[in-house]
Amino acid sequence: MEFTDEQIHRYSRHIILPEVGGKGQKKILQARVLIVGAGGLGCPVGYYLAAAGVGTIGIVDNDTIELSNLQRQIAHNTERLGMPKADSAKMTFEALNPDVTVHAIKERLNKDMIMDLIKDYDIVVDGSDNFPTRYLVNDACVMAGKPLVSGAILRFEGQVTTIIPGEGHCYRCLFEEPPPPGLVPSCQEAGVLGALCGVIGSLQAMEVLKLILGKGQPLKNQLLMYNAFESSFRKVKVPRNPDCPVCSDNPRITELQDYEAEYCQMRF
């Protein structure tokens, strides 16, 4: 592919970077990224990936926009209250960059459709708002061999990790099973500082771009934790668990399963 004059101008700050250049920008334009969730994390992830020129973005969300979302979900606005979040995100990202094609998938992920969905994408980003979806996405990506960038937020804290199947840990190496109902409060119960979503979502977008470019050091076998009140980052090593039920050499979980929603609904 050849750049148009408009593209050279649009992506000039990328192209002048030796680590990106024209070849790297072409990789970005040809990349396909699936974002799970068009909420607090999915919005900034999608916004920055669209700005960067990621050619195809899928956005999965079956929810609609509520007034309480607008404190942190930057792809939506007041005029779109009641609109499906996936449609709103598509409008925002495609308006930002006409080079980008966004597929709005207005469904809740389940074990019967997720494998068919993720096969069309290079990288998956998890910005989901509940534990059942988070474990389903992890298991599917491990089984399909798809890189996964996972993020989570609550109150004033957030975390990011990058899962590359076959090369490092998975989410179950960190937390083998979902927590019992009521153990972890939801954002609706405990709150979340809106700007925190931008910090964690931007870090997730950066992880995706590093994977696309094949540059830098992704958070493989690492968990990056951020405390907004303390303005502190902490990185923890996460080795691959040789007894992990999903990513070990002898996994106990070999088929996808749907977890009951009552495990813990976390409204990000």
C-alpha atoms as a PDB file:
ATOM      1  CA  MET A   1       0.000   0.000   0.000  1.00  0.00           C
ATOM      2  CA  GLU A   2       1.065   3.578  -0.668  1.00  0.00           C
ATOM      3  CA  PHE A   3       0.286   6.523   1.580  1.00  0.00           C
ATOM      4  CA  THR A   4      -1.837   9.372   0.315  1.00  0.00           C
ATOM      5  CA  ASP A   5      -0.659  12.936   0.956  1.00  0.00           C
ATOM      6  CA  GLU A   6      -3.375  13.231   3.603  1.00  0.00           C
ATOM      7  CA  GLN A   7      -2.148  10.077   5.363  1.00  0.00           C
ATOM      8  CA  ILE A   8       1.454  11.281   5.344  1.00  0.00           C
ATOM      9  CA  HIS A   9       0.264  14.473   7.015  1.00  0.00           C
ATOM     10  CA  ARG A  10      -2.073  12.710   9.452  1.00  0.00           C
ATOM     11  CA  TYR A  11       0.505  10.162  10.628  1.00  0.00           C
ATOM     12  CA  SER A  12       3.600  12.359  10.309  1.00  0.00           C
ATOM     13  CA  ARG A  13       4.390  12.213  14.039  1.00  0.00           C
ATOM     14  CA  HIS A  14       4.420   8.435  13.818  1.00  0.00           C
ATOM     15  CA  ILE A  15       6.369   8.225  10.579  1.00  0.00           C
ATOM     16  CA  ILE A  16       9.242  10.384  11.848  1.00  0.00           C
ATOM     17  CA  LEU A  17       9.768   7.989  14.771  1.00  0.00           C
ATOM     18  CA  PRO A  18      12.571   5.550  13.822  1.00  0.00           C
ATOM     19  CA  GLU A  19      10.760   2.808  15.775  1.00  0.00           C
ATOM     20  CA  VAL A  20       7.641   3.264  13.650  1.00  0.00           C
ATOM     21  CA  GLY A  21       8.401   4.838  10.284  1.00  0.00           C
ATOM     22  CA  GLY A  22       6.425   4.158   7.147  1.00  0.00           C
ATOM     23  CA  LYS A  23       6.663   0.384   7.529  1.00  0.00           C
ATOM     24  CA  GLY A  24       5.310   0.517  11.064  1.00  0.00           C
ATOM     25  CA  GLN A  25       2.448   2.806  10.099  1.00  0.00           C
ATOM     26  CA  LYS A  26       1.477   0.393   7.335  1.00  0.00           C
ATOM     27  CA  LYS A  27       1.379  -2.399   9.936  1.00  0.00           C
ATOM     28  CA  ILE A  28      -0.948  -0.255  12.043  1.00  0.00           C
ATOM     29  CA  LEU A  29      -3.222   0.476   9.086  1.00  0.00           C
ATOM     30  CA  GLN A  30      -3.446  -3.229   8.272  1.00  0.00           C
ATOM     31  CA  ALA A  31      -4.055  -4.357  11.864  1.00  0.00           C
ATOM     32  CA  ARG A  32      -7.342  -5.746  13.156  1.00  0.00           C
ATOM     33  CA  VAL A  33      -8.165  -5.261  16.852  1.00  0.00           C
ATOM     34  CA  LEU A  34     -11.228  -6.441  18.780  1.00  0.00           C
ATOM     35  CA  ILE A  35     -12.247  -4.418  21.848  1.00  0.00           C
ATOM     36  CA  VAL A  36     -14.539  -6.076  24.379  1.00  0.00           C
ATOM     37  CA  GLY A  37     -16.614  -3.339  26.006  1.00  0.00           C
ATOM     38  CA  ALA A  38     -17.406   0.222  24.911  1.00  0.00           C
ATOM     39  CA  GLY A  39     -17.304   1.613  28.439  1.00  0.00           C
ATOM     40  CA  GLY A  40     -14.728   3.305  30.643  1.00  0.00           C
ATOM     41  CA  LEU A  41     -11.783   1.362  29.211  1.00  0.00           C
ATOM     42  CA  GLY A  42     -13.013   0.510  25.722  1.00  0.00           C
ATOM     43  CA  CYS A  43     -13.665   4.164  24.890  1.00  0.00           C
ATOM     44  CA  PRO A  44     -10.107   5.496  25.382  1.00  0.00           C
ATOM     45  CA  VAL A  45      -8.582   2.332  23.924  1.00  0.00           C
ATOM     46  CA  GLY A  46     -10.669   2.652  20.780  1.00  0.00           C
ATOM     47  CA  TYR A  47     -10.157   6.409  20.546  1.00  0.00           C
ATOM     48  CA  TYR A  48      -6.378   6.159  20.559  1.00  0.00           C
ATOM     49  CA  LEU A  49      -6.264   3.120  18.279  1.00  0.00           C
ATOM     50  CA  ALA A  50      -8.522   4.903  15.789  1.00  0.00           C
ATOM     51  CA  ALA A  51      -6.345   8.010  15.995  1.00  0.00           C
ATOM     52  CA  ALA A  52      -3.273   5.850  15.394  1.00  0.00           C
ATOM     53  CA  GLY A  53      -4.861   4.431  12.246  1.00  0.00           C
ATOM     54  CA  VAL A  54      -5.636   0.840  13.237  1.00  0.00           C
ATOM     55  CA  GLY A  55      -7.439  -0.202  10.078  1.00  0.00           C
ATOM     56  CA  THR A  56     -10.151  -2.434  11.504  1.00  0.00           C
ATOM     57  CA  ILE A  57     -11.616  -2.169  14.987  1.00  0.00           C
ATOM     58  CA  GLY A  58     -14.350  -4.416  16.337  1.00  0.00           C
ATOM     59  CA  ILE A  59     -16.254  -3.166  19.372  1.00  0.00           C
ATOM     60  CA  VAL A  60     -18.417  -5.612  21.328  1.00  0.00           C
ATOM     61  CA  ASP A  61     -21.050  -4.255  23.717  1.00  0.00           C
ATOM     62  CA  ASN A  62     -24.757  -4.983  24.137  1.00  0.00           C
ATOM     63  CA  ASP A  63     -25.451  -2.090  26.534  1.00  0.00           C
ATOM     64  CA  THR A  64     -26.972   1.348  25.931  1.00  0.00           C
ATOM     65  CA  ILE A  65     -25.711   4.753  27.063  1.00  0.00           C
ATOM     66  CA  GLU A  66     -26.874   6.041  30.443  1.00  0.00           C
ATOM     67  CA  LEU A  67     -26.271   9.442  31.984  1.00  0.00           C
ATOM     68  CA  SER A  68     -24.003   7.980  34.679  1.00  0.00           C
ATOM     69  CA  ASN A  69     -21.689   6.619  31.947  1.00  0.00           C
ATOM     70  CA  LEU A  70     -20.690  10.060  30.678  1.00  0.00           C
ATOM     71  CA  GLN A  71     -18.424  10.850  33.633  1.00  0.00           C
ATOM     72  CA  ARG A  72     -15.830   8.465  32.140  1.00  0.00           C
ATOM     73  CA  GLN A  73     -16.925   6.966  28.797  1.00  0.00           C
ATOM     74  CA  ILE A  74     -15.455   9.515  26.374  1.00  0.00           C
ATOM     75  CA  ALA A  75     -16.753   8.038  23.109  1.00  0.00           C
ATOM     76  CA  HIS A  76     -20.343   8.961  24.048  1.00  0.00           C
ATOM     77  CA  ASN A  77     -22.207  12.208  24.702  1.00  0.00           C
ATOM     78  CA  THR A  78     -25.445  13.554  26.150  1.00  0.00           C
ATOM     79  CA  GLU A  79     -27.252  13.610  22.799  1.00  0.00           C
ATOM     80  CA  ARG A  80     -26.744   9.859  22.477  1.00  0.00           C
ATOM     81  CA  LEU A  81     -28.416   8.777  25.706  1.00  0.00           C
ATOM     82  CA  GLY A  82     -30.237   5.495  25.060  1.00  0.00           C
ATOM     83  CA  MET A  83     -28.162   4.689  21.964  1.00  0.00           C
ATOM     84  CA  PRO A  84     -26.305   1.363  21.838  1.00  0.00           C
ATOM     85  CA  LYS A  85     -22.762   1.953  23.047  1.00  0.00           C
ATOM     86  CA  ALA A  86     -21.259  -0.002  20.147  1.00  0.00           C
ATOM     87  CA  ASP A  87     -23.028   2.234  17.616  1.00  0.00           C
ATOM     88  CA  SER A  88     -21.949   5.378  19.442  1.00  0.00           C
ATOM     89  CA  ALA A  89     -18.331   4.223  19.582  1.00  0.00           C
ATOM     90  CA  LYS A  90     -18.409   3.422  15.858  1.00  0.00           C
ATOM     91  CA  MET A  91     -19.685   6.929  15.081  1.00  0.00           C
ATOM     92  CA  THR A  92     -16.999   8.565  17.233  1.00  0.00           C
ATOM     93  CA  PHE A  93     -14.037   6.525  16.017  1.00  0.00           C
ATOM     94  CA  GLU A  94     -14.927   6.705  12.325  1.00  0.00           C
ATOM     95  CA  ALA A  95     -15.540  10.459  12.581  1.00  0.00           C
ATOM     96  CA  LEU A  96     -12.074  10.850  14.097  1.00  0.00           C
ATOM     97  CA  ASN A  97     -10.334   8.910  11.334  1.00  0.00           C
ATOM     98  CA  PRO A  98     -11.888   7.940   7.974  1.00  0.00           C
ATOM     99  CA  ASP A  99      -9.105   5.388   7.443  1.00  0.00           C
ATOM    100  CA  VAL A 100     -10.648   3.229  10.152  1.00  0.00           C
ATOM    101  CA  THR A 101     -13.480   0.733   9.702  1.00  0.00           C
ATOM    102  CA  VAL A 102     -15.341  -0.027  12.930  1.00  0.00           C
ATOM    103  CA  HIS A 103     -17.600  -3.048  13.319  1.00  0.00           C
ATOM    104  CA  ALA A 104     -20.262  -2.521  15.997  1.00  0.00           C
ATOM    105  CA  ILE A 105     -21.162  -5.879  17.540  1.00  0.00           C
ATOM    106  CA  LYS A 106     -24.228  -5.387  19.726  1.00  0.00           C
ATOM    107  CA  GLU A 107     -24.167  -8.750  21.450  1.00  0.00           C
ATOM    108  CA  ARG A 108     -23.056 -10.124  24.797  1.00  0.00           C
ATOM    109  CA  LEU A 109     -20.173 -12.513  24.335  1.00  0.00           C
ATOM    110  CA  ASN A 110     -20.913 -16.159  24.978  1.00  0.00           C
ATOM    111  CA  LYS A 111     -19.084 -19.437  24.513  1.00  0.00           C
ATOM    112  CA  ASP A 112     -21.006 -20.303  21.366  1.00  0.00           C
ATOM    113  CA  MET A 113     -19.908 -17.288  19.325  1.00  0.00           C
ATOM    114  CA  ILE A 114     -16.664 -15.936  20.746  1.00  0.00           C
ATOM    115  CA  MET A 115     -14.267 -18.228  18.870  1.00  0.00           C
ATOM    116  CA  ASP A 116     -15.874 -17.412  15.548  1.00  0.00           C
ATOM    117  CA  LEU A 117     -15.627 -13.713  16.399  1.00  0.00           C
ATOM    118  CA  ILE A 118     -12.011 -13.473  17.547  1.00  0.00           C
ATOM    119  CA  LYS A 119     -10.633 -15.503  14.631  1.00  0.00           C
ATOM    120  CA  ASP A 120     -10.961 -12.430  12.395  1.00  0.00           C
ATOM    121  CA  TYR A 121      -8.774 -10.225  14.628  1.00  0.00           C
ATOM    122  CA  ASP A 122      -5.054 -10.051  15.379  1.00  0.00           C
ATOM    123  CA  ILE A 123      -5.295  -8.786  18.963  1.00  0.00           C
ATOM    124  CA  VAL A 124      -8.067  -8.715  21.576  1.00  0.00           C
ATOM    125  CA  VAL A 125      -8.471  -5.990  24.213  1.00  0.00           C
ATOM    126  CA  ASP A 126     -10.516  -6.755  27.313  1.00  0.00           C
ATOM    127  CA  GLY A 127     -12.274  -3.758  28.832  1.00  0.00           C
ATOM    128  CA  SER A 128     -15.242  -5.791  30.028  1.00  0.00           C
ATOM    129  CA  ASP A 129     -17.321  -4.923  33.068  1.00  0.00           C
ATOM    130  CA  ASN A 130     -17.827  -8.342  34.661  1.00  0.00           C
ATOM    131  CA  PHE A 131     -15.853 -11.391  35.719  1.00  0.00           C
ATOM    132  CA  PRO A 132     -17.769 -13.966  33.629  1.00  0.00           C
ATOM    133  CA  THR A 133     -16.828 -12.124  30.428  1.00  0.00           C
ATOM    134  CA  ARG A 134     -13.238 -11.595  31.561  1.00  0.00           C
ATOM    135  CA  TYR A 135     -12.667 -15.305  32.142  1.00  0.00           C
ATOM    136  CA  LEU A 136     -14.442 -16.266  28.929  1.00  0.00           C
ATOM    137  CA  VAL A 137     -12.267 -13.861  26.899  1.00  0.00           C
ATOM    138  CA  ASN A 138      -9.081 -15.134  28.547  1.00  0.00           C
ATOM    139  CA  ASP A 139      -9.922 -18.776  27.951  1.00  0.00           C
ATOM    140  CA  ALA A 140     -10.932 -18.167  24.333  1.00  0.00           C
ATOM    141  CA  CYS A 141      -7.767 -16.192  23.550  1.00  0.00           C
ATOM    142  CA  VAL A 142      -5.546 -18.860  25.104  1.00  0.00           C
ATOM    143  CA  MET A 143      -7.287 -21.605  23.133  1.00  0.00           C
ATOM    144  CA  ALA A 144      -7.165 -19.580  19.905  1.00  0.00           C
ATOM    145  CA  GLY A 145      -3.601 -18.344  20.436  1.00  0.00           C
ATOM    146  CA  LYS A 146      -4.664 -14.683  20.267  1.00  0.00           C
ATOM    147  CA  PRO A 147      -2.725 -11.961  22.143  1.00  0.00           C
ATOM    148  CA  LEU A 148      -4.886 -10.323  24.804  1.00  0.00           C
ATOM    149  CA  VAL A 149      -4.428  -6.962  26.540  1.00  0.00           C
ATOM    150  CA  SER A 150      -6.421  -6.970  29.772  1.00  0.00           C
ATOM    151  CA  GLY A 151      -7.280  -3.960  31.937  1.00  0.00           C
ATOM    152  CA  ALA A 152      -9.311  -3.365  35.092  1.00  0.00           C
ATOM    153  CA  ILE A 153     -10.260  -0.359  37.232  1.00  0.00           C
ATOM    154  CA  LEU A 154     -11.966   0.377  40.547  1.00  0.00           C
ATOM    155  CA  ARG A 155     -12.091   3.503  42.727  1.00  0.00           C
ATOM    156  CA  PHE A 156      -8.615   5.080  42.305  1.00  0.00           C
ATOM    157  CA  GLU A 157      -6.681   2.018  41.130  1.00  0.00           C
ATOM    158  CA  GLY A 158      -6.175   0.186  37.862  1.00  0.00           C
ATOM    159  CA  GLN A 159      -4.134  -2.618  36.365  1.00  0.00           C
ATOM    160  CA  VAL A 160      -2.939  -3.773  32.950  1.00  0.00           C
ATOM    161  CA  THR A 161      -1.354  -6.985  31.708  1.00  0.00           C
ATOM    162  CA  THR A 162      -0.597  -8.454  28.292  1.00  0.00           C
ATOM    163  CA  ILE A 163      -1.200 -12.137  27.650  1.00  0.00           C
ATOM    164  CA  ILE A 164       0.614 -13.835  24.774  1.00  0.00           C
ATOM    165  CA  PRO A 165      -0.471 -17.495  24.669  1.00  0.00           C
ATOM    166  CA  GLY A 166       2.411 -19.924  24.591  1.00  0.00           C
ATOM    167  CA  GLU A 167       4.919 -17.286  25.695  1.00  0.00           C
ATOM    168  CA  GLY A 168       3.753 -16.307  29.157  1.00  0.00           C
ATOM    169  CA  HIS A 169       1.040 -16.195  31.770  1.00  0.00           C
ATOM    170  CA  CYS A 170      -2.715 -15.916  31.289  1.00  0.00           C
ATOM    171  CA  TYR A 171      -5.368 -14.285  33.467  1.00  0.00           C
ATOM    172  CA  ARG A 172      -5.964 -17.562  35.311  1.00  0.00           C
ATOM    173  CA  CYS A 173      -2.295 -17.657  36.309  1.00  0.00           C
ATOM    174  CA  LEU A 174      -3.111 -14.492  38.260  1.00  0.00           C
ATOM    175  CA  PHE A 175      -6.596 -15.409  39.464  1.00  0.00           C
ATOM    176  CA  GLU A 176      -7.480 -19.045  38.835  1.00  0.00           C
ATOM    177  CA  GLU A 177     -11.224 -18.708  39.466  1.00  0.00           C
ATOM    178  CA  PRO A 178     -13.706 -15.799  39.573  1.00  0.00           C
ATOM    179  CA  PRO A 179     -14.297 -14.419  43.084  1.00  0.00           C
ATOM    180  CA  PRO A 180     -17.397 -15.445  45.022  1.00  0.00           C
ATOM    181  CA  PRO A 181     -20.429 -13.160  44.649  1.00  0.00           C
ATOM    182  CA  GLY A 182     -20.149  -9.999  46.743  1.00  0.00           C
ATOM    183  CA  LEU A 183     -16.439 -10.332  47.555  1.00  0.00           C
ATOM    184  CA  VAL A 184     -15.355  -7.574  45.146  1.00  0.00           C
ATOM    185  CA  PRO A 185     -17.562  -4.455  45.025  1.00  0.00           C
ATOM    186  CA  SER A 186     -18.690  -3.139  41.662  1.00  0.00           C
ATOM    187  CA  CYS A 187     -17.907   0.362  40.443  1.00  0.00           C
ATOM    188  CA  GLN A 188     -21.582   1.163  40.982  1.00  0.00           C
ATOM    189  CA  GLU A 189     -21.103   0.241  44.645  1.00  0.00           C
ATOM    190  CA  ALA A 190     -17.578   1.561  45.232  1.00  0.00           C
ATOM    191  CA  GLY A 191     -17.220   4.249  42.544  1.00  0.00           C
ATOM    192  CA  VAL A 192     -14.450   5.042  40.075  1.00  0.00           C
ATOM    193  CA  LEU A 193     -12.639   8.292  39.317  1.00  0.00           C
ATOM    194  CA  GLY A 194     -13.421   9.005  35.677  1.00  0.00           C
ATOM    195  CA  ALA A 195      -9.946  10.105  34.577  1.00  0.00           C
ATOM    196  CA  LEU A 196      -8.528   6.785  35.831  1.00  0.00           C
ATOM    197  CA  CYS A 197     -10.205   5.121  32.848  1.00  0.00           C
ATOM    198  CA  GLY A 198      -8.182   7.316  30.509  1.00  0.00           C
ATOM    199  CA  VAL A 199      -4.912   6.343  32.170  1.00  0.00           C
ATOM    200  CA  ILE A 200      -5.536   2.595  32.061  1.00  0.00           C
ATOM    201  CA  GLY A 201      -7.192   2.670  28.637  1.00  0.00           C
ATOM    202  CA  SER A 202      -4.233   4.603  27.200  1.00  0.00           C
ATOM    203  CA  LEU A 203      -1.832   2.049  28.654  1.00  0.00           C
ATOM    204  CA  GLN A 204      -3.847  -0.722  27.009  1.00  0.00           C
ATOM    205  CA  ALA A 205      -3.739   1.106  23.667  1.00  0.00           C
ATOM    206  CA  MET A 206       0.031   1.455  24.025  1.00  0.00           C
ATOM    207  CA  GLU A 207       0.354  -2.275  24.638  1.00  0.00           C
ATOM    208  CA  VAL A 208      -1.649  -2.975  21.468  1.00  0.00           C
ATOM    209  CA  LEU A 209       0.523  -0.674  19.374  1.00  0.00           C
ATOM    210  CA  LYS A 210       3.708  -2.307  20.689  1.00  0.00           C
ATOM    211  CA  LEU A 211       2.335  -5.708  19.720  1.00  0.00           C
ATOM    212  CA  ILE A 212       1.401  -4.485  16.237  1.00  0.00           C
ATOM    213  CA  LEU A 213       4.800  -2.889  15.686  1.00  0.00           C
ATOM    214  CA  GLY A 214       6.782  -5.675  17.327  1.00  0.00           C
ATOM    215  CA  LYS A 215       8.653  -3.031  19.304  1.00  0.00           C
ATOM    216  CA  GLY A 216       9.293  -2.380  22.972  1.00  0.00           C
ATOM    217  CA  GLN A 217       8.580  -4.687  25.883  1.00  0.00           C
ATOM    218  CA  PRO A 218       4.914  -5.679  26.322  1.00  0.00           C
ATOM    219  CA  LEU A 219       3.670  -6.492  29.809  1.00  0.00           C
ATOM    220  CA  LYS A 220       4.163 -10.216  29.248  1.00  0.00           C
ATOM    221  CA  ASN A 221       4.524 -12.084  32.539  1.00  0.00           C
ATOM    222  CA  GLN A 222       3.941  -8.784  34.316  1.00  0.00           C
ATOM    223  CA  LEU A 223       1.086  -6.920  35.975  1.00  0.00           C
ATOM    224  CA  LEU A 224       1.296  -3.124  35.988  1.00  0.00           C
ATOM    225  CA  MET A 225      -0.663  -1.506  38.814  1.00  0.00           C
ATOM    226  CA  TYR A 226      -1.462   2.205  39.092  1.00  0.00           C
ATOM    227  CA  ASN A 227      -2.634   4.133  42.143  1.00  0.00           C
ATOM    228  CA  ALA A 228      -4.028   7.513  41.139  1.00  0.00           C
ATOM    229  CA  PHE A 229      -4.077   9.003  44.638  1.00  0.00           C
ATOM    230  CA  GLU A 230      -0.440   8.145  45.238  1.00  0.00           C
ATOM    231  CA  SER A 231       0.605   8.871  41.622  1.00  0.00           C
ATOM    232  CA  SER A 232       2.460   5.571  41.745  1.00  0.00           C
ATOM    233  CA  PHE A 233       3.057   2.659  39.417  1.00  0.00           C
ATOM    234  CA  ARG A 234       4.111  -0.789  40.563  1.00  0.00           C
ATOM    235  CA  LYS A 235       5.100  -3.684  38.329  1.00  0.00           C
ATOM    236  CA  VAL A 236       4.777  -7.251  39.585  1.00  0.00           C
ATOM    237  CA  LYS A 237       6.207 -10.328  37.892  1.00  0.00           C
ATOM    238  CA  VAL A 238       3.599 -12.945  37.029  1.00  0.00           C
ATOM    239  CA  PRO A 239       5.176 -16.254  36.025  1.00  0.00           C
ATOM    240  CA  ARG A 240       3.234 -18.769  34.014  1.00  0.00           C
ATOM    241  CA  ASN A 241       1.604 -21.227  36.381  1.00  0.00           C
ATOM    242  CA  PRO A 242       2.682 -24.771  35.391  1.00  0.00           C
ATOM    243  CA  ASP A 243      -0.606 -26.006  36.852  1.00  0.00           C
ATOM    244  CA  CYS A 244      -2.823 -23.352  35.257  1.00  0.00           C
ATOM    245  CA  PRO A 245      -6.182 -24.925  34.346  1.00  0.00           C
ATOM    246  CA  VAL A 246      -6.130 -23.269  30.910  1.00  0.00           C
ATOM    247  CA  CYS A 247      -2.623 -22.403  29.678  1.00  0.00           C
ATOM    248  CA  SER A 248      -0.509 -25.187  31.211  1.00  0.00           C
ATOM    249  CA  ASP A 249       0.873 -28.058  29.169  1.00  0.00           C
ATOM    250  CA  ASN A 250      -1.871 -30.284  30.598  1.00  0.00           C
ATOM    251  CA  PRO A 251      -4.915 -28.024  30.935  1.00  0.00           C
ATOM    252  CA  ARG A 252      -7.974 -29.162  32.860  1.00  0.00           C
ATOM    253  CA  ILE A 253     -10.220 -26.713  31.005  1.00  0.00           C
ATOM    254  CA  THR A 254     -10.284 -27.605  27.321  1.00  0.00           C
ATOM    255  CA  GLU A 255     -13.742 -26.339  26.376  1.00  0.00           C
ATOM    256  CA  LEU A 256     -15.239 -22.901  26.859  1.00  0.00           C
ATOM    257  CA  GLN A 257     -17.825 -22.411  29.550  1.00  0.00           C
ATOM    258  CA  ASP A 258     -20.131 -19.522  30.453  1.00  0.00           C
ATOM    259  CA  TYR A 259     -19.954 -18.310  34.034  1.00  0.00           C
ATOM    260  CA  GLU A 260     -23.112 -17.272  35.811  1.00  0.00           C
ATOM    261  CA  ALA A 261     -23.563 -13.517  35.898  1.00  0.00           C
ATOM    262  CA  GLU A 262     -24.034 -13.558  39.665  1.00  0.00           C
ATOM    263  CA  TYR A 263     -20.298 -14.191  40.177  1.00  0.00           C
ATOM    264  CA  CYS A 264     -19.858 -10.417  40.368  1.00  0.00           C
ATOM    265  CA  GLN A 265     -21.166  -7.783  37.987  1.00  0.00           C
ATOM    266  CA  MET A 266     -18.638  -4.965  37.833  1.00  0.00           C
ATOM    267  CA  ARG A 267     -20.042  -1.894  36.093  1.00  0.00           C
ATOM    268  CA  PHE A 268     -17.038  -0.036  34.746  1.00  0.00           C
END
